[in-house]
Amino acid sequence: MPYRTIIEPFRIHSVQAIAFPTPAEREDALRRAGFNLFGLQADEVIIDLLTDSGTGSMSDRQWAAMMVGDESYAGSRSFYRLQDVVSKLTGFSELVPTHQGRAAERILFSVAVSDGDVVPNNTHFDTTRANIEYQGAEARDLVIPEGRVPATEHPFKGNMDVARLIETIEEIGTDRIPMVMVTVTNNSGGGQPVSLENLREVRAVCDEYGLPLFLDACRFAENAWFIRMREPGQEDRTPEEIAREMFSLADGCTFSAKKDGIANIGGFVALNDPEIAALCRNLLILTEGFPTYGGLAGRDLEAIATGMEEVLDEEYLRYRIRSTAYLAEKCHSAGVPTVRPPGGHAVYIDAAALLPHIPPSQYPAQALAVELYRDGGVRGVEIGSVMFGMVNEDGSETPSAMELVRLAIPRRTYTQSHIDYVGEVILSVAERKESIGGYRIVEQAPWLRHFTARFEPV
């Protein structure tokens, strides 16, 4: 019979030392950074779960591929290798490489989105929303109701509310909706997957109204694994087969290779429309580089191509999803409220439920993230009213729908003992939750303020 323990499907080839700053050093670091964990130096962090973006460990095959990277300015064979991998997986005929996912968003939205437009999505992530709003457009979130309630159990909480999508199209008109987007998995909503059934329904609506459908495909492989595990009729298909169908339902995608490319840098826009692709390449040349390297070294193109092949390995995905669920279950069993069921790349703690005495105006998720670092040197990230709150013209704020702390687990980087330590830190903080206070912002930028804002305790 199969064993219950799912082991890492790899051996450790080399290691990197972890720093162990003292509590006093962590306190000094917090004050220097204005209580913003983005401002910490990496050597001031013990376990870094700020993001899974570009922080994973590459394989021996990826490092070997980098050694054959072609650094030719134009016509690099490494570009054509990546193009071949992307084309076989997605079916898209046009590839525009970029240095990371937000650059892909910036380029696509600059050529396709205009002032006054509305872009529906299940839930936009921070850079996606910012790049749409920078064009003077509205980024409208249309996730299903279950996706807005952390404790609700639903196998596909990332699904788009199709009825609300239709209402939005009827309200706005197709001339002001340049595209519909679906984020897989739904990062802002807890790393929750989108079902094939839902993607097919969204595709049918887009066909009915003549609208293009784009995927934010950063975690396409994790989404494919959830479909295999949770969607009836999909259990006998491979992750690659499911991923191919996901992409076949779309007209294009943006992609950060720092997630399910298992690379440290890179991204792309892939699509079928040659006219939009030509406009993207024109802007690419202006801001990123020549169309066959797009701000990347040839060795990076090779690492991404290899990573996109490895990420669909069944043993890797089984370990990846299970290792995230392991931490979520430790929290849940101890009574720490989290987004349920566990997502693919991260555990999301419900700070509003854990710290009900802190109002949204005092940023409970930011307060919890600070305490996890203060207590045990664990760095997560606030996904709440700091990141997604709306600042009104009168200076007041409309809070985010949820107050979450995301603990994003880098790929192939930490062992089970590291995750056990994180669990101990979470429980330690939860035991003294009544003593935790809120924060106010004392300095912020007009865009993506969570990266550089400075705070002080209330």
Protein backbone atom coordinates (compact mmCIF):
# COMPACT_ATOMS: atom_id res chain seq x y z
CA MET A 1 0.00 0.00 0.00
CA PRO A 2 1.22 3.57 -0.59
CA TYR A 3 2.79 5.37 2.35
CA ARG A 4 1.11 8.45 3.83
CA THR A 5 4.27 10.56 3.92
CA ILE A 6 4.92 12.42 0.68
CA ILE A 7 8.65 13.06 0.46
CA GLU A 8 10.47 15.74 -1.50
CA PRO A 9 11.04 14.39 -5.03
CA PHE A 10 14.66 15.61 -5.04
CA ARG A 11 17.95 15.44 -3.16
CA ILE A 12 19.67 18.57 -1.87
CA HIS A 13 22.73 19.31 -3.98
CA SER A 14 24.00 22.51 -2.37
CA VAL A 15 22.93 24.61 0.60
CA GLN A 16 22.82 28.27 1.57
CA ALA A 17 23.31 29.46 5.14
CA ILE A 18 20.42 30.98 7.08
CA ALA A 19 20.98 33.99 9.32
CA PHE A 20 19.60 33.98 12.87
CA PRO A 21 19.13 37.61 13.97
CA THR A 22 18.39 38.03 17.67
CA PRO A 23 15.08 39.47 18.91
CA ALA A 24 16.82 42.78 19.61
CA GLU A 25 18.27 42.85 16.09
CA ARG A 26 14.86 42.08 14.62
CA GLU A 27 13.30 44.91 16.62
CA ASP A 28 15.95 47.33 15.37
CA ALA A 29 15.36 46.15 11.81
CA LEU A 30 11.60 46.69 12.09
CA ARG A 31 12.04 50.27 13.27
CA ARG A 32 14.62 51.06 10.60
CA ALA A 33 12.26 49.68 7.92
CA GLY A 34 9.28 51.64 9.19
CA PHE A 35 7.57 48.35 10.14
CA ASN A 36 7.39 47.42 6.46
CA LEU A 37 8.76 43.91 5.91
CA PHE A 38 9.71 44.76 2.33
CA GLY A 39 12.31 47.10 3.83
CA LEU A 40 14.16 44.36 5.68
CA GLN A 41 17.48 43.06 4.45
CA ALA A 42 17.33 39.38 3.56
CA ASP A 43 20.02 38.55 6.13
CA GLU A 44 17.69 39.91 8.81
CA VAL A 45 15.14 37.16 8.04
CA ILE A 46 15.23 33.57 9.29
CA ILE A 47 12.48 32.00 7.13
CA ASP A 48 11.51 34.14 4.14
CA LEU A 49 7.94 33.55 2.97
CA LEU A 50 7.45 37.05 1.55
CA THR A 51 6.87 35.59 -1.91
CA ASP A 52 7.29 32.47 -3.99
CA SER A 53 8.16 34.68 -6.96
CA GLY A 54 11.71 34.06 -8.14
CA THR A 55 12.75 32.65 -4.77
CA GLY A 56 12.68 28.92 -5.57
CA SER A 57 15.61 26.59 -6.08
CA MET A 58 16.51 25.67 -9.64
CA SER A 59 17.29 22.09 -10.59
CA ASP A 60 20.53 20.61 -11.88
CA ARG A 61 18.89 20.48 -15.33
CA GLN A 62 18.13 24.20 -15.17
CA TRP A 63 21.68 25.08 -14.10
CA ALA A 64 23.05 22.88 -16.86
CA ALA A 65 20.76 24.55 -19.40
CA MET A 66 22.09 27.94 -18.35
CA MET A 67 25.57 26.88 -19.39
CA VAL A 68 24.43 26.54 -23.01
CA GLY A 69 22.53 29.83 -23.04
CA ASP A 70 23.03 31.76 -26.27
CA GLU A 71 23.74 35.41 -25.47
CA SER A 72 23.35 36.64 -29.05
CA TYR A 73 21.62 40.01 -29.12
CA ALA A 74 19.32 39.05 -31.97
CA GLY A 75 18.08 35.61 -32.96
CA SER A 76 19.29 33.77 -29.84
CA ARG A 77 18.69 30.03 -30.13
CA SER A 78 17.69 30.11 -26.45
CA PHE A 79 14.72 32.27 -27.41
CA TYR A 80 13.65 29.76 -30.03
CA ARG A 81 13.91 26.94 -27.54
CA LEU A 82 11.65 28.83 -25.13
CA GLN A 83 9.29 29.70 -27.95
CA ASP A 84 9.03 26.02 -28.85
CA VAL A 85 8.27 24.98 -25.25
CA VAL A 86 5.65 27.72 -24.83
CA SER A 87 4.03 27.01 -28.20
CA LYS A 88 3.73 23.27 -27.53
CA LEU A 89 2.21 23.85 -24.11
CA THR A 90 -0.09 26.81 -24.76
CA GLY A 91 -0.78 26.64 -28.47
CA PHE A 92 -0.17 30.40 -28.74
CA SER A 93 1.68 31.43 -31.87
CA GLU A 94 3.20 34.72 -30.66
CA LEU A 95 5.72 35.05 -27.82
CA VAL A 96 6.95 38.35 -26.34
CA PRO A 97 9.55 37.73 -23.60
CA THR A 98 9.94 40.18 -20.72
CA HIS A 99 12.13 40.46 -17.64
CA GLN A 100 9.21 39.51 -15.34
CA GLY A 101 5.43 39.26 -15.16
CA ARG A 102 4.64 42.88 -14.35
CA ALA A 103 6.55 43.96 -17.45
CA ALA A 104 4.35 41.62 -19.48
CA GLU A 105 1.28 43.23 -17.91
CA ARG A 106 2.61 46.72 -18.52
CA ILE A 107 3.27 46.03 -22.19
CA LEU A 108 -0.03 44.23 -22.89
CA PHE A 109 -2.19 46.78 -21.09
CA SER A 110 -0.33 49.70 -22.65
CA VAL A 111 -1.33 48.56 -26.12
CA ALA A 112 -4.74 47.01 -25.38
CA VAL A 113 -6.31 49.02 -22.54
CA SER A 114 -7.46 52.66 -22.75
CA ASP A 115 -8.70 55.34 -20.39
CA GLY A 116 -12.25 54.55 -19.25
CA ASP A 117 -12.05 50.82 -20.02
CA VAL A 118 -13.05 48.06 -17.61
CA VAL A 119 -11.10 44.80 -17.32
CA PRO A 120 -13.04 42.04 -15.50
CA ASN A 121 -11.07 39.35 -13.66
CA ASN A 122 -11.81 36.81 -10.96
CA THR A 123 -9.37 38.81 -8.78
CA HIS A 124 -6.58 41.03 -10.04
CA PHE A 125 -3.30 40.80 -8.19
CA ASP A 126 -1.48 43.95 -7.10
CA THR A 127 0.70 44.61 -10.16
CA THR A 128 -2.09 43.60 -12.55
CA ARG A 129 -4.48 46.04 -10.94
CA ALA A 130 -1.89 48.82 -10.80
CA ASN A 131 -0.94 48.47 -14.46
CA ILE A 132 -4.61 48.58 -15.52
CA GLU A 133 -5.35 51.56 -13.32
CA TYR A 134 -2.24 53.31 -14.63
CA GLN A 135 -3.94 53.29 -18.03
CA GLY A 136 -6.95 55.07 -16.50
CA ALA A 137 -9.05 51.90 -16.61
CA GLU A 138 -10.94 49.98 -13.92
CA ALA A 139 -9.79 46.57 -12.73
CA ARG A 140 -13.02 44.90 -11.65
CA ASP A 141 -12.99 41.76 -9.48
CA LEU A 142 -15.76 39.23 -10.11
CA VAL A 143 -14.82 36.21 -8.02
CA ILE A 144 -17.66 33.95 -6.83
CA PRO A 145 -19.17 34.83 -3.40
CA GLU A 146 -17.46 31.84 -1.76
CA GLY A 147 -14.11 33.28 -2.79
CA ARG A 148 -14.64 36.31 -0.55
CA VAL A 149 -15.21 34.31 2.65
CA PRO A 150 -11.96 32.81 3.98
CA ALA A 151 -13.53 30.04 6.07
CA THR A 152 -15.90 28.76 3.39
CA GLU A 153 -15.01 25.35 1.99
CA HIS A 154 -15.31 25.19 -1.81
CA PRO A 155 -13.07 23.25 -4.21
CA PHE A 156 -12.75 26.12 -6.71
CA LYS A 157 -12.98 29.38 -4.79
CA GLY A 158 -11.04 31.11 -7.56
CA ASN A 159 -13.90 30.75 -10.05
CA MET A 160 -15.25 33.81 -11.79
CA ASP A 161 -18.88 34.73 -11.12
CA VAL A 162 -20.21 34.23 -14.64
CA ALA A 163 -23.55 35.92 -13.93
CA ARG A 164 -21.75 39.04 -12.71
CA LEU A 165 -19.49 38.92 -15.76
CA ILE A 166 -22.55 39.02 -18.02
CA GLU A 167 -24.04 41.85 -15.95
CA THR A 168 -20.78 43.78 -16.27
CA ILE A 169 -20.67 43.34 -20.05
CA GLU A 170 -24.31 44.43 -20.38
CA GLU A 171 -23.68 47.42 -18.12
CA ILE A 172 -20.40 48.61 -19.63
CA GLY A 173 -20.75 47.53 -23.26
CA THR A 174 -18.24 45.53 -25.23
CA ASP A 175 -16.56 48.63 -26.68
CA ARG A 176 -15.19 49.50 -23.20
CA ILE A 177 -14.06 45.97 -22.27
CA PRO A 178 -10.81 45.25 -24.13
CA MET A 179 -10.46 41.77 -22.59
CA VAL A 180 -11.61 39.46 -19.86
CA MET A 181 -8.95 37.99 -17.58
CA VAL A 182 -8.88 34.97 -15.28
CA THR A 183 -6.04 34.51 -12.77
CA VAL A 184 -4.96 30.88 -12.22
CA THR A 185 -4.57 30.22 -9.39
CA ASN A 186 -6.30 33.17 -7.75
CA ASN A 187 -3.44 34.66 -5.74
CA SER A 188 -5.25 37.51 -3.98
CA GLY A 189 -8.07 35.18 -3.00
CA GLY A 190 -5.87 32.68 -1.22
CA GLY A 191 -4.14 30.80 -4.03
CA GLN A 192 -7.48 29.22 -4.92
CA PRO A 193 -7.93 27.31 -8.20
CA VAL A 194 -10.29 27.85 -11.12
CA SER A 195 -12.13 24.86 -12.55
CA LEU A 196 -12.13 23.81 -16.20
CA GLU A 197 -15.91 24.06 -16.12
CA ASN A 198 -15.69 27.70 -15.06
CA LEU A 199 -13.08 28.50 -17.71
CA ARG A 200 -15.33 26.94 -20.34
CA GLU A 201 -18.28 29.03 -19.14
CA VAL A 202 -16.21 32.23 -19.24
CA ARG A 203 -15.00 31.30 -22.72
CA ALA A 204 -18.60 30.84 -23.88
CA VAL A 205 -19.53 34.28 -22.57
CA CYS A 206 -16.51 35.83 -24.30
CA ASP A 207 -17.48 34.11 -27.55
CA GLU A 208 -21.06 35.33 -27.26
CA TYR A 209 -19.96 38.95 -26.83
CA GLY A 210 -16.89 38.84 -29.06
CA LEU A 211 -14.36 39.53 -26.30
CA PRO A 212 -10.83 38.10 -25.99
CA LEU A 213 -9.99 36.02 -22.92
CA PHE A 214 -6.55 36.21 -21.32
CA LEU A 215 -5.14 34.15 -18.47
CA ASP A 216 -2.86 35.46 -15.77
CA ALA A 217 -1.10 32.10 -15.90
CA CYS A 218 1.59 32.53 -13.24
CA ARG A 219 0.58 29.33 -11.42
CA PHE A 220 -1.00 27.36 -14.25
CA ALA A 221 0.59 24.05 -13.21
CA GLU A 222 -0.68 24.27 -9.64
CA ASN A 223 -4.14 25.08 -11.01
CA ALA A 224 -3.95 22.06 -13.32
CA TRP A 225 -3.09 19.81 -10.36
CA PHE A 226 -6.08 21.07 -8.36
CA ILE A 227 -8.33 20.38 -11.35
CA ARG A 228 -7.01 16.82 -11.49
CA MET A 229 -7.54 16.33 -7.76
CA ARG A 230 -10.90 18.07 -7.34
CA GLU A 231 -12.86 18.24 -10.59
CA PRO A 232 -15.01 15.23 -11.54
CA GLY A 233 -13.86 13.53 -14.72
CA GLN A 234 -10.32 14.95 -14.62
CA GLU A 235 -8.64 12.47 -12.28
CA ASP A 236 -7.16 10.31 -15.06
CA ARG A 237 -5.65 13.16 -17.06
CA THR A 238 -2.06 14.37 -16.72
CA PRO A 239 -1.32 17.90 -15.49
CA GLU A 240 0.07 18.71 -18.94
CA GLU A 241 -3.13 17.60 -20.68
CA ILE A 242 -5.21 19.73 -18.33
CA ALA A 243 -2.89 22.72 -18.74
CA ARG A 244 -3.14 22.45 -22.52
CA GLU A 245 -6.92 22.61 -22.32
CA MET A 246 -6.77 25.59 -19.98
CA PHE A 247 -4.64 27.51 -22.47
CA SER A 248 -6.79 26.35 -25.41
CA LEU A 249 -9.74 28.20 -23.88
CA ALA A 250 -7.86 31.53 -23.94
CA ASP A 251 -6.64 33.95 -26.61
CA GLY A 252 -3.46 34.76 -24.75
CA CYS A 253 -1.78 35.03 -21.37
CA THR A 254 0.62 36.97 -19.24
CA PHE A 255 3.13 34.88 -17.34
CA SER A 256 5.69 35.39 -14.61
CA ALA A 257 8.32 32.70 -15.00
CA LYS A 258 9.33 33.41 -11.39
CA LYS A 259 6.37 31.26 -10.29
CA ASP A 260 5.54 28.17 -12.34
CA GLY A 261 8.57 28.67 -14.55
CA ILE A 262 10.64 27.85 -11.42
CA ALA A 263 13.13 30.50 -12.53
CA ASN A 264 14.63 33.43 -10.67
CA ILE A 265 13.64 36.00 -13.31
CA GLY A 266 11.60 36.28 -16.48
CA GLY A 267 8.13 36.39 -17.96
CA PHE A 268 6.26 36.79 -21.23
CA VAL A 269 3.12 37.70 -23.10
CA ALA A 270 1.88 34.88 -25.33
CA LEU A 271 -1.07 35.27 -27.66
CA ASN A 272 -2.52 34.49 -31.08
CA ASP A 273 -3.27 37.99 -32.43
CA PRO A 274 -0.30 39.04 -34.64
CA GLU A 275 -1.37 42.70 -34.67
CA ILE A 276 -1.43 43.00 -30.88
CA ALA A 277 1.84 41.05 -30.75
CA ALA A 278 3.45 43.52 -33.15
CA LEU A 279 2.38 46.45 -30.96
CA CYS A 280 3.72 44.65 -27.90
CA ARG A 281 7.08 44.06 -29.60
CA ASN A 282 7.35 47.71 -30.57
CA LEU A 283 6.94 48.68 -26.93
CA LEU A 284 9.20 45.82 -25.86
CA ILE A 285 12.05 47.25 -27.93
CA LEU A 286 11.53 50.64 -26.29
CA THR A 287 11.44 49.42 -22.69
CA GLU A 288 12.82 45.87 -22.40
CA GLY A 289 15.06 44.88 -25.29
CA PHE A 290 15.11 43.15 -28.65
CA PRO A 291 12.19 40.75 -29.27
CA THR A 292 14.38 37.64 -28.99
CA TYR A 293 15.65 38.41 -25.50
CA GLY A 294 13.20 40.92 -24.01
CA GLY A 295 15.32 42.04 -21.07
CA LEU A 296 16.63 38.55 -20.30
CA ALA A 297 19.97 36.85 -20.72
CA GLY A 298 20.05 33.78 -22.93
CA ARG A 299 20.79 31.65 -19.88
CA ASP A 300 17.56 32.91 -18.28
CA LEU A 301 15.58 31.89 -21.36
CA GLU A 302 17.06 28.40 -21.06
CA ALA A 303 16.25 28.15 -17.34
CA ILE A 304 12.64 29.16 -17.99
CA ALA A 305 12.20 26.67 -20.81
CA THR A 306 13.49 23.83 -18.64
CA GLY A 307 11.47 24.98 -15.62
CA MET A 308 8.23 25.01 -17.61
CA GLU A 309 8.85 21.37 -18.46
CA GLU A 310 9.74 20.35 -14.90
CA VAL A 311 6.82 22.13 -13.26
CA LEU A 312 4.32 19.71 -14.80
CA ASP A 313 5.98 16.65 -13.29
CA GLU A 314 3.37 14.81 -11.22
CA GLU A 315 5.69 13.97 -8.35
CA TYR A 316 6.78 17.59 -8.07
CA LEU A 317 3.19 18.86 -8.04
CA ARG A 318 2.07 16.26 -5.52
CA TYR A 319 4.87 17.34 -3.17
CA ARG A 320 4.33 21.05 -3.85
CA ILE A 321 0.63 21.10 -3.02
CA ARG A 322 0.99 18.73 -0.08
CA SER A 323 3.80 20.75 1.53
CA THR A 324 1.60 23.86 1.50
CA ALA A 325 -1.38 21.96 2.90
CA TYR A 326 0.84 20.60 5.69
CA LEU A 327 1.38 24.09 7.14
CA ALA A 328 -2.26 25.06 6.62
CA GLU A 329 -3.39 21.97 8.52
CA LYS A 330 -1.06 22.76 11.44
CA CYS A 331 -2.66 26.20 11.68
CA HIS A 332 -6.22 24.95 11.25
CA SER A 333 -5.87 22.19 13.84
CA ALA A 334 -4.61 24.75 16.37
CA GLY A 335 -7.56 27.07 15.75
CA VAL A 336 -5.69 29.68 13.72
CA PRO A 337 -8.13 30.90 11.02
CA THR A 338 -6.87 30.47 7.47
CA VAL A 339 -8.32 30.55 3.98
CA ARG A 340 -9.94 27.18 3.42
CA PRO A 341 -9.25 24.90 1.69
CA PRO A 342 -5.45 25.42 1.46
CA GLY A 343 -4.25 27.06 -1.74
CA GLY A 344 -1.38 25.96 -3.92
CA HIS A 345 1.58 28.22 -3.22
CA ALA A 346 0.85 29.80 0.14
CA VAL A 347 -0.97 29.66 3.45
CA TYR A 348 -3.21 32.67 4.03
CA ILE A 349 -3.95 33.56 7.65
CA ASP A 350 -7.24 35.41 8.21
CA ALA A 351 -5.99 38.36 10.25
CA ALA A 352 -9.45 39.91 10.57
CA ALA A 353 -10.73 36.77 12.28
CA LEU A 354 -7.62 36.33 14.44
CA LEU A 355 -7.39 40.01 15.48
CA PRO A 356 -11.01 41.24 15.56
CA HIS A 357 -10.06 44.03 17.98
CA ILE A 358 -7.99 45.77 15.28
CA PRO A 359 -10.20 47.71 12.81
CA PRO A 360 -9.37 47.66 9.07
CA SER A 361 -8.26 51.30 9.35
CA GLN A 362 -5.41 50.08 11.57
CA TYR A 363 -4.37 47.30 9.16
CA PRO A 364 -4.72 44.04 11.13
CA ALA A 365 -2.95 41.98 8.47
CA GLN A 366 0.04 44.30 8.55
CA ALA A 367 0.07 44.05 12.34
CA LEU A 368 0.04 40.25 12.20
CA ALA A 369 2.80 40.13 9.59
CA VAL A 370 4.98 42.36 11.78
CA GLU A 371 4.41 40.09 14.80
CA LEU A 372 5.38 36.93 12.90
CA TYR A 373 8.70 38.56 12.08
CA ARG A 374 9.15 40.05 15.54
CA ASP A 375 8.43 36.71 17.24
CA GLY A 376 10.36 34.29 15.05
CA GLY A 377 12.01 36.05 12.13
CA VAL A 378 9.39 34.76 9.66
CA ARG A 379 8.66 37.21 6.85
CA GLY A 380 5.26 37.04 5.16
CA VAL A 381 3.28 39.70 3.33
CA GLU A 382 0.10 41.63 4.03
CA ILE A 383 -2.72 41.09 1.53
CA GLY A 384 -5.36 43.37 2.93
CA SER A 385 -6.18 47.04 3.17
CA VAL A 386 -2.57 48.20 2.79
CA MET A 387 -2.28 46.38 -0.53
CA PHE A 388 -5.85 46.66 -1.80
CA GLY A 389 -7.56 49.39 0.20
CA MET A 390 -8.93 52.23 -1.92
CA VAL A 391 -7.89 55.76 -0.98
CA ASN A 392 -10.84 58.08 -1.66
CA GLU A 393 -10.66 61.68 -2.86
CA ASP A 394 -11.45 62.99 0.63
CA GLY A 395 -8.53 61.04 2.08
CA SER A 396 -10.66 58.33 3.66
CA GLU A 397 -10.10 54.67 2.80
CA THR A 398 -12.37 51.89 1.65
CA PRO A 399 -10.92 48.72 3.20
CA SER A 400 -10.13 45.53 1.36
CA ALA A 401 -12.71 42.74 1.37
CA MET A 402 -10.31 40.49 3.29
CA GLU A 403 -7.41 41.00 5.69
CA LEU A 404 -4.93 38.22 4.96
CA VAL A 405 -1.30 37.46 5.70
CA ARG A 406 0.22 35.36 2.95
CA LEU A 407 3.01 32.95 3.78
CA ALA A 408 4.25 32.05 0.30
CA ILE A 409 6.41 28.93 0.16
CA PRO A 410 9.33 29.08 -2.30
CA ARG A 411 9.63 26.07 -4.58
CA ARG A 412 12.08 23.32 -3.57
CA THR A 413 13.70 25.57 -0.96
CA TYR A 414 12.63 24.77 2.60
CA THR A 415 12.42 21.40 4.36
CA GLN A 416 9.68 20.07 6.63
CA SER A 417 11.56 21.17 9.74
CA HIS A 418 11.61 24.74 8.42
CA ILE A 419 7.83 24.58 7.97
CA ASP A 420 7.39 23.05 11.44
CA TYR A 421 9.29 26.05 12.81
CA VAL A 422 6.99 28.44 10.94
CA GLY A 423 4.01 26.65 12.46
CA GLU A 424 5.45 27.12 15.95
CA VAL A 425 5.93 30.84 15.33
CA ILE A 426 2.33 31.22 14.10
CA LEU A 427 0.96 29.47 17.18
CA SER A 428 3.17 31.52 19.48
CA VAL A 429 1.83 34.77 18.01
CA ALA A 430 -1.75 33.49 18.11
CA GLU A 431 -1.44 32.76 21.84
CA ARG A 432 -0.87 36.47 22.57
CA LYS A 433 -3.21 37.87 19.92
CA GLU A 434 -5.07 40.17 22.35
CA SER A 435 -1.86 42.12 23.01
CA ILE A 436 -1.24 42.94 19.33
CA GLY A 437 -2.03 46.51 18.25
CA GLY A 438 -2.63 48.19 14.92
CA TYR A 439 -0.63 50.55 12.71
CA ARG A 440 -1.03 53.77 10.79
CA ILE A 441 0.66 54.76 7.53
CA VAL A 442 3.01 57.73 7.83
CA GLU A 443 4.47 57.65 4.33
CA GLN A 444 3.20 56.09 1.09
CA ALA A 445 3.57 56.10 -2.69
CA PRO A 446 0.65 56.70 -5.10
CA TRP A 447 1.07 53.26 -6.72
CA LEU A 448 1.65 49.88 -5.07
CA ARG A 449 2.14 51.59 -1.73
CA HIS A 450 2.67 48.35 0.19
CA PHE A 451 6.17 47.99 -1.27
CA THR A 452 7.56 51.20 0.22
CA ALA A 453 5.06 52.57 2.79
CA ARG A 454 6.30 53.33 6.28
CA PHE A 455 4.22 52.65 9.38
CA GLU A 456 4.12 53.43 13.07
CA PRO A 457 2.22 51.66 15.85
CA VAL A 458 -1.12 53.17 16.82
